[in-house]
């Protein structure tokens, strides 16, 4: 498979991902301010609302 005559550079990931990592509640509350949740699917679907430029 090529794209414009160039072969893709593919690497196999052999490391496992760490599980159980979470964000502190205080930080998550700040993140939640930027999220718009879809009614009925709050835990799965959300829309990021961009920050307005300051000034």
Protein backbone atom coordinates (compact mmCIF):
# COMPACT_ATOMS: atom_id res chain seq x y z
CA UNK A 1 0.00 0.00 0.00
CA UNK A 2 1.41 3.40 -0.93
CA UNK A 3 0.32 7.02 -0.78
CA UNK A 4 1.69 9.11 -3.64
CA UNK A 5 4.33 6.43 -4.17
CA UNK A 6 5.54 6.45 -0.55
CA UNK A 7 5.24 3.38 1.68
CA UNK A 8 3.74 3.96 5.14
CA UNK A 9 5.99 3.82 8.20
CA UNK A 10 4.36 1.27 10.52
CA UNK A 11 5.57 0.28 13.99
CA UNK A 12 4.20 -2.41 16.26
CA UNK A 13 3.47 -1.29 19.81
CA UNK A 14 4.74 -3.90 22.24
CA UNK A 15 4.22 -1.98 25.49
CA UNK A 16 0.98 -2.30 27.39
CA UNK A 17 -1.03 0.74 28.40
CA UNK A 18 -1.34 1.53 32.10
CA UNK A 19 -4.83 1.13 33.49
CA UNK A 20 -6.51 2.83 36.39
CA UNK A 21 -5.15 6.30 35.60
CA UNK A 22 -7.60 9.05 36.47
CA UNK A 23 -7.79 12.81 36.77
CA UNK A 24 -8.26 14.52 40.12
CA UNK A 25 -11.85 15.62 40.80
CA UNK A 26 -10.91 19.31 40.95
CA UNK A 27 -9.24 19.15 37.55
CA UNK A 28 -12.09 17.09 36.09
CA UNK A 29 -14.61 19.75 37.17
CA UNK A 30 -12.58 22.32 35.23
CA UNK A 31 -12.50 20.03 32.17
CA UNK A 32 -16.26 19.40 32.43
CA UNK A 33 -16.89 23.13 31.97
CA UNK A 34 -15.64 22.77 28.37
CA UNK A 35 -17.69 19.68 27.54
CA UNK A 36 -21.21 19.57 26.17
CA UNK A 37 -22.74 16.15 26.89
CA UNK A 38 -25.25 14.45 24.59
CA UNK A 39 -28.52 13.82 26.50
CA UNK A 40 -29.01 10.14 27.30
CA UNK A 41 -25.40 9.26 26.43
CA UNK A 42 -23.56 11.53 28.87
CA UNK A 43 -20.77 9.12 29.73
CA UNK A 44 -19.94 8.23 26.12
CA UNK A 45 -20.52 11.25 23.87
CA UNK A 46 -19.48 14.85 24.31
CA UNK A 47 -18.61 17.92 22.28
CA UNK A 48 -15.61 20.10 23.12
CA UNK A 49 -16.49 23.79 23.32
CA UNK A 50 -13.47 25.95 22.34
CA UNK A 51 -12.28 28.67 24.68
CA UNK A 52 -12.86 32.26 23.62
CA UNK A 53 -9.69 34.28 23.10
CA UNK A 54 -8.90 36.55 26.04
CA UNK A 55 -8.82 40.30 25.47
